[in-house]
């Protein structure tokens, strides 16, 4: 098993742990130089892979997790994890049938996008997470399932358009002794 204690956070200012929350704001967040690879971090990362997206432009940045309107506890837990892990304040905004958990902290958005992909078709599990201790992987998989997993009386399933993520999740499930199979379905919009 691979056991990394912390993950380096690449700060644009070269260090010091300070990063401007958004380019034109007067609000500064103190971001740590390293974050612990804990169960909480893994859960946040898993939810990002399932429900998160980033938009990083020259003059604006957005990190957004979108959960169902019936999941306010997930939204609250996500804002708490962002605050505890990174010191970043996120806000919950209602949308049609959903809740958006948003922050404009560019460094956290870039960190998650770099390690876990950006855009549904590019989502992935980084190599270091594939080799992480099982307790951390378990929290990651739980959060993935919370976001995009499905269950009925016959089976559990997970849906993604990322071929890489599908194969990596398959490997993780086998590591936990969970028999898993992959199936490709054609949809009217994209292959799944």
N, C-alpha and C. Protein backbone atom coordinates (compact mmCIF):
# COMPACT_ATOMS: atom_id res chain seq x y z
N UNK A 1 0.83 -1.19 0.00
CA UNK A 1 0.00 0.00 0.00
C UNK A 1 0.87 1.24 0.00
N UNK A 2 0.41 2.24 -0.68
CA UNK A 2 1.08 3.53 -0.78
C UNK A 2 0.51 4.44 0.30
N UNK A 3 1.33 5.11 1.06
CA UNK A 3 0.83 5.93 2.15
C UNK A 3 1.49 7.30 2.10
N UNK A 4 0.84 8.23 1.45
CA UNK A 4 1.30 9.61 1.41
C UNK A 4 0.63 10.31 2.57
N UNK A 5 1.37 11.04 3.32
CA UNK A 5 0.78 11.75 4.46
C UNK A 5 0.09 13.04 4.03
N UNK A 6 0.76 13.78 3.12
CA UNK A 6 0.19 15.06 2.69
C UNK A 6 0.35 15.23 1.19
N UNK A 7 -0.42 16.13 0.64
CA UNK A 7 -0.36 16.47 -0.78
C UNK A 7 0.05 17.93 -0.88
N UNK A 8 1.08 18.21 -1.66
CA UNK A 8 1.53 19.59 -1.83
C UNK A 8 0.52 20.40 -2.60
N UNK A 9 0.33 21.63 -2.17
CA UNK A 9 -0.57 22.55 -2.85
C UNK A 9 0.30 23.56 -3.58
N UNK A 10 0.27 23.55 -4.92
CA UNK A 10 1.12 24.48 -5.67
C UNK A 10 0.57 25.90 -5.59
N UNK A 11 1.23 26.75 -4.83
CA UNK A 11 0.75 28.12 -4.66
C UNK A 11 1.34 29.02 -5.74
N UNK A 12 0.51 29.82 -6.34
CA UNK A 12 0.94 30.70 -7.42
C UNK A 12 1.89 31.79 -6.94
N UNK A 13 1.80 32.15 -5.67
CA UNK A 13 2.66 33.22 -5.18
C UNK A 13 4.01 32.69 -4.69
N UNK A 14 4.27 31.40 -4.87
CA UNK A 14 5.55 30.83 -4.51
C UNK A 14 5.66 30.38 -3.07
N UNK A 15 4.63 30.47 -2.30
CA UNK A 15 4.71 29.99 -0.93
C UNK A 15 4.01 30.94 0.03
N UNK A 16 4.17 30.67 1.29
CA UNK A 16 3.59 31.52 2.30
C UNK A 16 2.17 31.17 2.68
N UNK A 17 1.55 30.32 1.89
CA UNK A 17 0.23 29.86 2.25
C UNK A 17 -0.87 30.89 2.10
N UNK A 18 -0.68 31.93 1.29
CA UNK A 18 -1.72 32.93 1.11
C UNK A 18 -2.11 32.97 -0.35
N UNK A 19 -3.38 32.96 -0.60
CA UNK A 19 -3.87 33.02 -1.97
C UNK A 19 -5.10 33.90 -2.02
N UNK A 20 -5.20 34.76 -2.99
CA UNK A 20 -6.36 35.64 -3.13
C UNK A 20 -7.56 34.83 -3.56
N UNK A 21 -8.68 35.00 -2.87
CA UNK A 21 -9.88 34.21 -3.10
C UNK A 21 -10.42 34.38 -4.50
N UNK A 22 -10.52 35.59 -5.00
CA UNK A 22 -10.87 35.84 -6.40
C UNK A 22 -10.18 37.12 -6.82
N UNK A 23 -9.85 37.25 -8.10
CA UNK A 23 -8.95 38.32 -8.53
C UNK A 23 -9.33 39.72 -8.08
N UNK A 24 -10.58 40.07 -8.05
CA UNK A 24 -10.94 41.45 -7.72
C UNK A 24 -11.44 41.62 -6.29
N UNK A 25 -11.39 40.56 -5.50
CA UNK A 25 -11.91 40.67 -4.14
C UNK A 25 -10.85 41.20 -3.20
N UNK A 26 -11.30 41.65 -2.06
CA UNK A 26 -10.38 42.06 -1.01
C UNK A 26 -10.28 40.99 0.05
N UNK A 27 -10.87 39.84 -0.23
CA UNK A 27 -10.88 38.73 0.73
C UNK A 27 -9.72 37.81 0.41
N UNK A 28 -8.92 37.49 1.42
CA UNK A 28 -7.80 36.57 1.26
C UNK A 28 -8.05 35.33 2.09
N UNK A 29 -7.78 34.18 1.51
CA UNK A 29 -7.86 32.93 2.26
C UNK A 29 -6.44 32.46 2.54
N UNK A 30 -6.23 31.92 3.71
CA UNK A 30 -4.94 31.30 4.03
C UNK A 30 -5.06 29.84 3.66
N UNK A 31 -4.37 29.44 2.59
CA UNK A 31 -4.38 28.07 2.10
C UNK A 31 -3.11 27.39 2.59
N UNK A 32 -3.21 26.20 3.16
CA UNK A 32 -1.99 25.53 3.63
C UNK A 32 -1.11 25.09 2.46
N UNK A 33 0.21 25.04 2.71
CA UNK A 33 1.14 24.57 1.68
C UNK A 33 0.96 23.09 1.40
N UNK A 34 0.50 22.34 2.39
CA UNK A 34 0.28 20.89 2.24
C UNK A 34 -1.04 20.56 2.93
N UNK A 35 -1.79 19.63 2.35
CA UNK A 35 -3.03 19.18 2.98
C UNK A 35 -2.90 17.70 3.31
N UNK A 36 -3.43 17.29 4.45
CA UNK A 36 -3.35 15.86 4.80
C UNK A 36 -4.24 15.02 3.89
N UNK A 37 -3.73 13.88 3.46
CA UNK A 37 -4.53 12.94 2.68
C UNK A 37 -5.27 12.09 3.70
N UNK A 38 -6.42 12.57 4.07
CA UNK A 38 -7.25 11.95 5.11
C UNK A 38 -8.52 11.40 4.48
N UNK A 39 -9.32 10.76 5.30
CA UNK A 39 -10.62 10.31 4.84
C UNK A 39 -11.49 11.48 4.41
N UNK A 40 -11.40 12.61 5.12
CA UNK A 40 -12.19 13.79 4.74
C UNK A 40 -11.75 14.34 3.38
N UNK A 41 -10.44 14.40 3.16
CA UNK A 41 -9.95 14.86 1.85
C UNK A 41 -10.42 13.91 0.76
N UNK A 42 -10.31 12.61 1.01
CA UNK A 42 -10.73 11.62 0.01
C UNK A 42 -12.22 11.74 -0.29
N UNK A 43 -13.03 11.98 0.74
CA UNK A 43 -14.47 12.14 0.53
C UNK A 43 -14.76 13.39 -0.30
N UNK A 44 -14.07 14.48 -0.02
CA UNK A 44 -14.25 15.70 -0.80
C UNK A 44 -13.83 15.47 -2.25
N UNK A 45 -12.71 14.78 -2.44
CA UNK A 45 -12.23 14.49 -3.79
C UNK A 45 -13.21 13.57 -4.54
N UNK A 46 -13.74 12.57 -3.85
CA UNK A 46 -14.71 11.67 -4.48
C UNK A 46 -15.97 12.40 -4.90
N UNK A 47 -16.43 13.32 -4.05
CA UNK A 47 -17.61 14.10 -4.42
C UNK A 47 -17.29 15.02 -5.58
N UNK A 48 -16.07 15.57 -5.62
CA UNK A 48 -15.67 16.40 -6.76
C UNK A 48 -15.72 15.58 -8.05
N UNK A 49 -15.18 14.37 -8.02
CA UNK A 49 -15.18 13.53 -9.22
C UNK A 49 -16.61 13.26 -9.69
N UNK A 50 -17.50 13.00 -8.75
CA UNK A 50 -18.89 12.67 -9.11
C UNK A 50 -19.72 13.91 -9.44
N UNK A 51 -19.59 14.95 -8.65
CA UNK A 51 -20.53 16.08 -8.73
C UNK A 51 -19.88 17.45 -8.93
N UNK A 52 -18.57 17.49 -9.06
CA UNK A 52 -17.90 18.78 -9.13
C UNK A 52 -17.46 19.17 -10.52
N UNK A 53 -17.30 20.46 -10.70
CA UNK A 53 -16.69 20.96 -11.92
C UNK A 53 -16.00 22.28 -11.63
N UNK A 54 -15.08 22.61 -12.51
CA UNK A 54 -14.34 23.86 -12.36
C UNK A 54 -14.48 24.68 -13.64
N UNK A 55 -14.42 25.97 -13.46
CA UNK A 55 -14.34 26.89 -14.60
C UNK A 55 -13.24 27.88 -14.22
N UNK A 56 -12.15 27.81 -14.94
CA UNK A 56 -11.01 28.66 -14.63
C UNK A 56 -10.73 29.52 -15.85
N UNK A 57 -10.97 30.81 -15.71
CA UNK A 57 -10.74 31.78 -16.78
C UNK A 57 -9.70 32.79 -16.31
N UNK A 58 -9.29 33.68 -17.20
CA UNK A 58 -8.28 34.67 -16.83
C UNK A 58 -8.73 35.56 -15.67
N UNK A 59 -10.00 35.94 -15.66
CA UNK A 59 -10.45 36.89 -14.66
C UNK A 59 -11.48 36.32 -13.70
N UNK A 60 -11.70 35.03 -13.74
CA UNK A 60 -12.71 34.44 -12.88
C UNK A 60 -12.42 32.96 -12.69
N UNK A 61 -12.86 32.44 -11.58
CA UNK A 61 -12.68 31.02 -11.29
C UNK A 61 -13.87 30.55 -10.47
N UNK A 62 -14.30 29.33 -10.73
CA UNK A 62 -15.42 28.77 -9.98
C UNK A 62 -15.16 27.30 -9.74
N UNK A 63 -15.34 26.88 -8.50
CA UNK A 63 -15.37 25.46 -8.13
C UNK A 63 -16.79 25.22 -7.66
N UNK A 64 -17.49 24.29 -8.30
CA UNK A 64 -18.91 24.06 -8.03
C UNK A 64 -19.16 22.58 -7.86
N UNK A 65 -19.82 22.23 -6.76
CA UNK A 65 -20.33 20.88 -6.54
C UNK A 65 -21.84 21.00 -6.67
N UNK A 66 -22.47 20.14 -7.46
CA UNK A 66 -23.93 20.19 -7.63
C UNK A 66 -24.53 18.91 -7.09
N UNK A 67 -25.37 19.03 -6.06
CA UNK A 67 -26.03 17.88 -5.44
C UNK A 67 -27.53 18.09 -5.52
N UNK A 68 -28.29 17.03 -5.29
CA UNK A 68 -29.73 17.11 -5.34
C UNK A 68 -30.30 18.02 -4.26
N UNK A 69 -31.43 18.64 -4.56
CA UNK A 69 -32.09 19.52 -3.59
C UNK A 69 -32.47 18.76 -2.33
N UNK A 70 -32.60 17.44 -2.44
CA UNK A 70 -32.95 16.60 -1.29
C UNK A 70 -31.72 16.21 -0.46
N UNK A 71 -30.54 16.78 -0.77
CA UNK A 71 -29.31 16.43 -0.08
C UNK A 71 -28.67 17.63 0.64
N UNK A 72 -29.42 18.37 1.46
CA UNK A 72 -28.81 19.52 2.14
C UNK A 72 -27.69 19.12 3.09
N UNK A 73 -27.75 17.92 3.63
CA UNK A 73 -26.67 17.49 4.54
C UNK A 73 -25.37 17.28 3.78
N UNK A 74 -25.45 16.83 2.52
CA UNK A 74 -24.25 16.68 1.69
C UNK A 74 -23.66 18.06 1.40
N UNK A 75 -24.52 19.03 1.10
CA UNK A 75 -24.06 20.38 0.84
C UNK A 75 -23.37 20.96 2.08
N UNK A 76 -23.98 20.78 3.23
CA UNK A 76 -23.40 21.29 4.47
C UNK A 76 -22.06 20.62 4.77
N UNK A 77 -22.00 19.32 4.58
CA UNK A 77 -20.77 18.57 4.82
C UNK A 77 -19.66 19.02 3.87
N UNK A 78 -20.01 19.31 2.63
CA UNK A 78 -19.02 19.76 1.65
C UNK A 78 -18.46 21.12 2.02
N UNK A 79 -19.31 22.05 2.43
CA UNK A 79 -18.81 23.37 2.85
C UNK A 79 -17.91 23.23 4.08
N UNK A 80 -18.28 22.34 4.99
CA UNK A 80 -17.47 22.12 6.19
C UNK A 80 -16.10 21.55 5.82
N UNK A 81 -16.06 20.57 4.92
CA UNK A 81 -14.78 19.98 4.51
C UNK A 81 -13.88 21.00 3.80
N UNK A 82 -14.46 21.83 2.93
CA UNK A 82 -13.67 22.86 2.26
C UNK A 82 -13.06 23.82 3.28
N UNK A 83 -13.81 24.16 4.31
CA UNK A 83 -13.31 25.06 5.35
C UNK A 83 -12.24 24.38 6.20
N UNK A 84 -12.50 23.13 6.62
CA UNK A 84 -11.55 22.43 7.50
C UNK A 84 -10.26 22.08 6.78
N UNK A 85 -10.34 21.63 5.53
CA UNK A 85 -9.15 21.16 4.82
C UNK A 85 -8.34 22.32 4.25
N UNK A 86 -9.03 23.28 3.61
CA UNK A 86 -8.35 24.35 2.88
C UNK A 86 -8.50 25.73 3.51
N UNK A 87 -9.40 25.87 4.48
CA UNK A 87 -9.65 27.20 5.04
C UNK A 87 -10.47 28.08 4.12
N UNK A 88 -11.21 27.47 3.20
CA UNK A 88 -11.95 28.19 2.17
C UNK A 88 -13.43 28.22 2.52
N UNK A 89 -14.04 29.37 2.34
CA UNK A 89 -15.47 29.52 2.57
C UNK A 89 -16.19 29.23 1.26
N UNK A 90 -17.18 28.36 1.33
CA UNK A 90 -18.04 28.04 0.18
C UNK A 90 -19.47 28.40 0.56
N UNK A 91 -20.25 28.70 -0.46
CA UNK A 91 -21.65 29.09 -0.24
C UNK A 91 -22.56 28.11 -0.94
N UNK A 92 -23.70 27.83 -0.33
CA UNK A 92 -24.70 26.95 -0.92
C UNK A 92 -25.77 27.82 -1.56
N UNK A 93 -26.03 27.56 -2.84
CA UNK A 93 -27.04 28.29 -3.60
C UNK A 93 -28.03 27.29 -4.18
N UNK A 94 -29.33 27.54 -4.02
CA UNK A 94 -30.31 26.64 -4.64
C UNK A 94 -30.38 26.86 -6.15
N UNK A 95 -30.62 25.76 -6.85
CA UNK A 95 -30.85 25.80 -8.29
C UNK A 95 -32.11 25.00 -8.56
N UNK A 96 -32.49 24.84 -9.82
CA UNK A 96 -33.69 24.05 -10.11
C UNK A 96 -33.47 22.57 -9.77
N UNK A 97 -34.04 22.12 -8.67
CA UNK A 97 -33.93 20.72 -8.25
C UNK A 97 -32.57 20.34 -7.70
N UNK A 98 -31.74 21.34 -7.41
CA UNK A 98 -30.38 21.03 -6.95
C UNK A 98 -29.88 22.10 -5.99
N UNK A 99 -28.75 21.81 -5.41
CA UNK A 99 -28.01 22.76 -4.57
C UNK A 99 -26.61 22.87 -5.14
N UNK A 100 -26.12 24.10 -5.29
CA UNK A 100 -24.75 24.34 -5.75
C UNK A 100 -23.92 24.75 -4.54
N UNK A 101 -22.78 24.10 -4.36
CA UNK A 101 -21.83 24.48 -3.33
C UNK A 101 -20.69 25.14 -4.10
N UNK A 102 -20.48 26.43 -3.90
CA UNK A 102 -19.55 27.18 -4.74
C UNK A 102 -18.52 27.95 -3.94
N UNK A 103 -17.33 27.99 -4.51
CA UNK A 103 -16.28 28.86 -4.02
C UNK A 103 -15.50 29.36 -5.23
N UNK A 104 -14.87 30.47 -5.07
CA UNK A 104 -14.09 31.05 -6.17
C UNK A 104 -12.59 30.98 -5.88
N UNK A 105 -12.19 30.07 -5.03
CA UNK A 105 -10.77 29.91 -4.69
C UNK A 105 -10.06 29.16 -5.82
N UNK A 106 -9.27 29.88 -6.58
CA UNK A 106 -8.63 29.31 -7.77
C UNK A 106 -7.67 28.17 -7.43
N UNK A 107 -6.92 28.31 -6.35
CA UNK A 107 -5.91 27.30 -6.05
C UNK A 107 -6.54 25.94 -5.73
N UNK A 108 -7.66 25.92 -5.03
CA UNK A 108 -8.34 24.66 -4.72
C UNK A 108 -8.96 24.09 -5.99
N UNK A 109 -9.55 24.95 -6.82
CA UNK A 109 -10.11 24.51 -8.10
C UNK A 109 -9.02 23.87 -8.97
N UNK A 110 -7.88 24.53 -9.06
CA UNK A 110 -6.78 23.99 -9.88
C UNK A 110 -6.24 22.68 -9.31
N UNK A 111 -6.12 22.60 -8.00
CA UNK A 111 -5.62 21.38 -7.36
C UNK A 111 -6.52 20.19 -7.69
N UNK A 112 -7.83 20.34 -7.49
CA UNK A 112 -8.77 19.25 -7.76
C UNK A 112 -8.80 18.91 -9.24
N UNK A 113 -8.81 19.93 -10.10
CA UNK A 113 -8.84 19.68 -11.55
C UNK A 113 -7.56 18.97 -12.01
N UNK A 114 -6.43 19.37 -11.46
CA UNK A 114 -5.15 18.75 -11.86
C UNK A 114 -5.11 17.27 -11.48
N UNK A 115 -5.47 16.96 -10.25
CA UNK A 115 -5.34 15.58 -9.78
C UNK A 115 -6.51 14.69 -10.20
N UNK A 116 -7.72 15.24 -10.31
CA UNK A 116 -8.90 14.40 -10.53
C UNK A 116 -9.61 14.68 -11.85
N UNK A 117 -9.10 15.60 -12.65
CA UNK A 117 -9.67 15.88 -13.96
C UNK A 117 -10.68 17.01 -13.93
N UNK A 118 -10.92 17.54 -15.12
CA UNK A 118 -11.89 18.62 -15.28
C UNK A 118 -12.80 18.27 -16.44
N UNK A 119 -14.09 18.38 -16.23
CA UNK A 119 -15.05 17.94 -17.24
C UNK A 119 -15.36 16.47 -17.03
N UNK A 120 -16.62 16.09 -17.14
CA UNK A 120 -17.05 14.72 -16.82
C UNK A 120 -16.27 13.67 -17.60
N UNK A 121 -15.99 13.94 -18.86
CA UNK A 121 -15.30 12.94 -19.69
C UNK A 121 -13.83 12.78 -19.32
N UNK A 122 -13.28 13.72 -18.55
CA UNK A 122 -11.86 13.69 -18.18
C UNK A 122 -11.63 13.34 -16.72
N UNK A 123 -12.67 12.99 -15.99
CA UNK A 123 -12.50 12.67 -14.58
C UNK A 123 -11.67 11.39 -14.44
N UNK A 124 -10.87 11.35 -13.37
CA UNK A 124 -9.94 10.24 -13.17
C UNK A 124 -9.59 10.11 -11.70
N UNK A 125 -8.97 9.00 -11.37
CA UNK A 125 -8.44 8.78 -10.03
C UNK A 125 -6.92 8.80 -10.19
N UNK A 126 -6.23 9.72 -9.51
CA UNK A 126 -4.78 9.79 -9.69
C UNK A 126 -4.08 8.52 -9.19
N UNK A 127 -2.92 8.26 -9.75
CA UNK A 127 -2.17 7.06 -9.39
C UNK A 127 -1.91 6.94 -7.91
N UNK A 128 -1.60 8.06 -7.25
CA UNK A 128 -1.33 7.98 -5.80
C UNK A 128 -2.57 7.56 -5.03
N UNK A 129 -3.78 7.93 -5.49
CA UNK A 129 -5.00 7.48 -4.80
C UNK A 129 -5.25 6.00 -5.06
N UNK A 130 -4.86 5.51 -6.23
CA UNK A 130 -5.02 4.09 -6.55
C UNK A 130 -4.15 3.23 -5.64
N UNK A 131 -3.07 3.82 -5.09
CA UNK A 131 -2.15 3.08 -4.23
C UNK A 131 -2.28 3.46 -2.75
N UNK A 132 -3.24 4.29 -2.46
CA UNK A 132 -3.44 4.79 -1.08
C UNK A 132 -3.94 3.67 -0.18
N UNK A 133 -3.81 3.87 1.12
CA UNK A 133 -4.32 2.87 2.06
C UNK A 133 -5.84 2.74 1.90
N UNK A 134 -6.34 1.56 2.22
CA UNK A 134 -7.75 1.23 1.96
C UNK A 134 -8.73 2.13 2.69
N UNK A 135 -8.41 2.55 3.89
CA UNK A 135 -9.34 3.39 4.65
C UNK A 135 -9.61 4.71 3.91
N UNK A 136 -8.59 5.26 3.28
CA UNK A 136 -8.75 6.49 2.50
C UNK A 136 -9.51 6.20 1.22
N UNK A 137 -9.15 5.12 0.53
CA UNK A 137 -9.86 4.74 -0.70
C UNK A 137 -11.34 4.49 -0.43
N UNK A 138 -11.64 3.89 0.71
CA UNK A 138 -13.04 3.59 1.05
C UNK A 138 -13.87 4.88 1.10
N UNK A 139 -13.33 5.93 1.71
CA UNK A 139 -14.05 7.20 1.79
C UNK A 139 -14.21 7.82 0.41
N UNK A 140 -13.20 7.66 -0.42
CA UNK A 140 -13.26 8.17 -1.80
C UNK A 140 -14.39 7.47 -2.57
N UNK A 141 -14.42 6.15 -2.49
CA UNK A 141 -15.44 5.37 -3.22
C UNK A 141 -16.84 5.67 -2.67
N UNK A 142 -16.96 5.81 -1.37
CA UNK A 142 -18.28 6.16 -0.78
C UNK A 142 -18.81 7.47 -1.35
N UNK A 143 -17.92 8.45 -1.44
CA UNK A 143 -18.35 9.76 -1.96
C UNK A 143 -18.67 9.67 -3.45
N UNK A 144 -17.90 8.90 -4.21
CA UNK A 144 -18.23 8.68 -5.62
C UNK A 144 -19.64 8.13 -5.74
N UNK A 145 -19.92 7.09 -4.95
CA UNK A 145 -21.23 6.43 -5.00
C UNK A 145 -22.34 7.36 -4.56
N UNK A 146 -22.06 8.19 -3.57
CA UNK A 146 -23.04 9.17 -3.12
C UNK A 146 -23.45 10.08 -4.27
N UNK A 147 -22.47 10.42 -5.10
CA UNK A 147 -22.75 11.31 -6.22
C UNK A 147 -23.39 10.65 -7.42
N UNK A 148 -22.77 9.60 -7.95
CA UNK A 148 -23.22 9.01 -9.21
C UNK A 148 -23.55 7.53 -9.14
N UNK A 149 -23.64 6.99 -7.94
CA UNK A 149 -23.98 5.58 -7.79
C UNK A 149 -25.49 5.36 -7.79
N UNK A 150 -25.88 4.15 -8.13
CA UNK A 150 -27.30 3.79 -8.18
C UNK A 150 -27.47 2.39 -7.60
N UNK A 151 -28.61 2.14 -7.02
CA UNK A 151 -28.89 0.81 -6.47
C UNK A 151 -30.34 0.45 -6.78
N UNK A 152 -30.54 -0.82 -7.11
CA UNK A 152 -31.90 -1.36 -7.20
C UNK A 152 -31.87 -2.72 -6.52
N UNK A 153 -32.93 -3.47 -6.62
CA UNK A 153 -32.98 -4.74 -5.90
C UNK A 153 -32.00 -5.79 -6.43
N UNK A 154 -31.46 -5.58 -7.63
CA UNK A 154 -30.59 -6.59 -8.24
C UNK A 154 -29.10 -6.23 -8.24
N UNK A 155 -28.80 -4.94 -8.26
CA UNK A 155 -27.39 -4.59 -8.42
C UNK A 155 -27.10 -3.16 -7.96
N UNK A 156 -25.82 -2.91 -7.80
CA UNK A 156 -25.31 -1.56 -7.62
C UNK A 156 -24.66 -1.16 -8.94
N UNK A 157 -24.77 0.08 -9.32
CA UNK A 157 -24.12 0.52 -10.55
C UNK A 157 -23.60 1.94 -10.38
N UNK A 158 -22.66 2.28 -11.20
CA UNK A 158 -22.07 3.61 -11.22
C UNK A 158 -22.01 4.05 -12.67
N UNK A 159 -22.43 5.27 -12.94
CA UNK A 159 -22.47 5.78 -14.30
C UNK A 159 -21.47 6.90 -14.49
N UNK A 160 -20.68 6.81 -15.54
CA UNK A 160 -19.72 7.86 -15.89
C UNK A 160 -19.51 7.85 -17.40
N UNK A 161 -19.15 8.99 -17.95
CA UNK A 161 -18.78 9.01 -19.36
C UNK A 161 -17.26 8.94 -19.51
N UNK A 162 -16.55 8.92 -18.39
CA UNK A 162 -15.09 8.83 -18.43
C UNK A 162 -14.67 7.35 -18.46
N UNK A 163 -14.12 6.93 -19.57
CA UNK A 163 -13.63 5.56 -19.70
C UNK A 163 -12.52 5.29 -18.68
N UNK A 164 -11.64 6.26 -18.49
CA UNK A 164 -10.54 6.11 -17.53
C UNK A 164 -11.08 5.89 -16.13
N UNK A 165 -12.03 6.73 -15.71
CA UNK A 165 -12.61 6.59 -14.38
C UNK A 165 -13.30 5.24 -14.22
N UNK A 166 -14.01 4.79 -15.24
CA UNK A 166 -14.70 3.49 -15.16
C UNK A 166 -13.71 2.37 -14.89
N UNK A 167 -12.61 2.34 -15.63
CA UNK A 167 -11.61 1.27 -15.43
C UNK A 167 -10.93 1.39 -14.07
N UNK A 168 -10.65 2.60 -13.64
CA UNK A 168 -10.00 2.79 -12.34
C UNK A 168 -10.93 2.39 -11.20
N UNK A 169 -12.19 2.77 -11.27
CA UNK A 169 -13.14 2.38 -10.24
C UNK A 169 -13.32 0.87 -10.22
N UNK A 170 -13.35 0.26 -11.38
CA UNK A 170 -13.42 -1.20 -11.48
C UNK A 170 -12.26 -1.84 -10.72
N UNK A 171 -11.06 -1.32 -10.93
CA UNK A 171 -9.87 -1.85 -10.24
C UNK A 171 -9.97 -1.67 -8.72
N UNK A 172 -10.45 -0.51 -8.28
CA UNK A 172 -10.60 -0.28 -6.83
C UNK A 172 -11.61 -1.24 -6.22
N UNK A 173 -12.73 -1.43 -6.90
CA UNK A 173 -13.74 -2.35 -6.38
C UNK A 173 -13.19 -3.77 -6.27
N UNK A 174 -12.44 -4.20 -7.27
CA UNK A 174 -11.82 -5.53 -7.20
C UNK A 174 -10.83 -5.61 -6.04
N UNK A 175 -10.13 -4.52 -5.78
CA UNK A 175 -9.20 -4.51 -4.65
C UNK A 175 -9.92 -4.73 -3.33
N UNK A 176 -11.16 -4.24 -3.24
CA UNK A 176 -11.97 -4.44 -2.04
C UNK A 176 -12.70 -5.77 -2.05
N UNK A 177 -12.46 -6.59 -3.08
CA UNK A 177 -13.11 -7.90 -3.15
C UNK A 177 -14.56 -7.82 -3.63
N UNK A 178 -14.91 -6.71 -4.28
CA UNK A 178 -16.26 -6.54 -4.79
C UNK A 178 -16.25 -6.90 -6.28
N UNK A 179 -16.97 -7.98 -6.65
CA UNK A 179 -17.00 -8.34 -8.07
C UNK A 179 -17.64 -7.21 -8.87
N UNK A 180 -17.00 -6.82 -9.94
CA UNK A 180 -17.48 -5.70 -10.74
C UNK A 180 -17.33 -6.01 -12.22
N UNK A 181 -18.21 -5.47 -12.99
CA UNK A 181 -18.16 -5.62 -14.45
C UNK A 181 -18.37 -4.25 -15.08
N UNK A 182 -17.86 -4.07 -16.27
CA UNK A 182 -18.04 -2.83 -17.00
C UNK A 182 -19.00 -3.06 -18.16
N UNK A 183 -19.83 -2.06 -18.42
CA UNK A 183 -20.77 -2.13 -19.53
C UNK A 183 -20.82 -0.77 -20.20
N UNK A 184 -20.76 -0.77 -21.51
CA UNK A 184 -20.85 0.47 -22.27
C UNK A 184 -22.26 0.56 -22.85
N UNK A 185 -22.86 1.71 -22.65
CA UNK A 185 -24.19 1.94 -23.20
C UNK A 185 -24.15 3.13 -24.13
N UNK A 186 -24.85 3.03 -25.22
CA UNK A 186 -24.98 4.18 -26.11
C UNK A 186 -26.19 4.98 -25.69
N UNK A 187 -26.00 6.29 -25.66
CA UNK A 187 -27.11 7.18 -25.36
C UNK A 187 -27.30 8.09 -26.55
N UNK A 188 -28.33 8.87 -26.53
CA UNK A 188 -28.59 9.77 -27.64
C UNK A 188 -27.57 10.91 -27.70
N UNK A 189 -26.89 11.19 -26.57
CA UNK A 189 -25.95 12.31 -26.54
C UNK A 189 -24.50 11.86 -26.61
N UNK A 190 -24.14 10.87 -25.84
CA UNK A 190 -22.74 10.43 -25.75
C UNK A 190 -22.70 8.94 -25.41
N UNK A 191 -21.55 8.35 -25.63
CA UNK A 191 -21.35 6.97 -25.17
C UNK A 191 -21.13 7.00 -23.68
N UNK A 192 -21.65 5.98 -22.99
CA UNK A 192 -21.44 5.89 -21.54
C UNK A 192 -20.82 4.57 -21.20
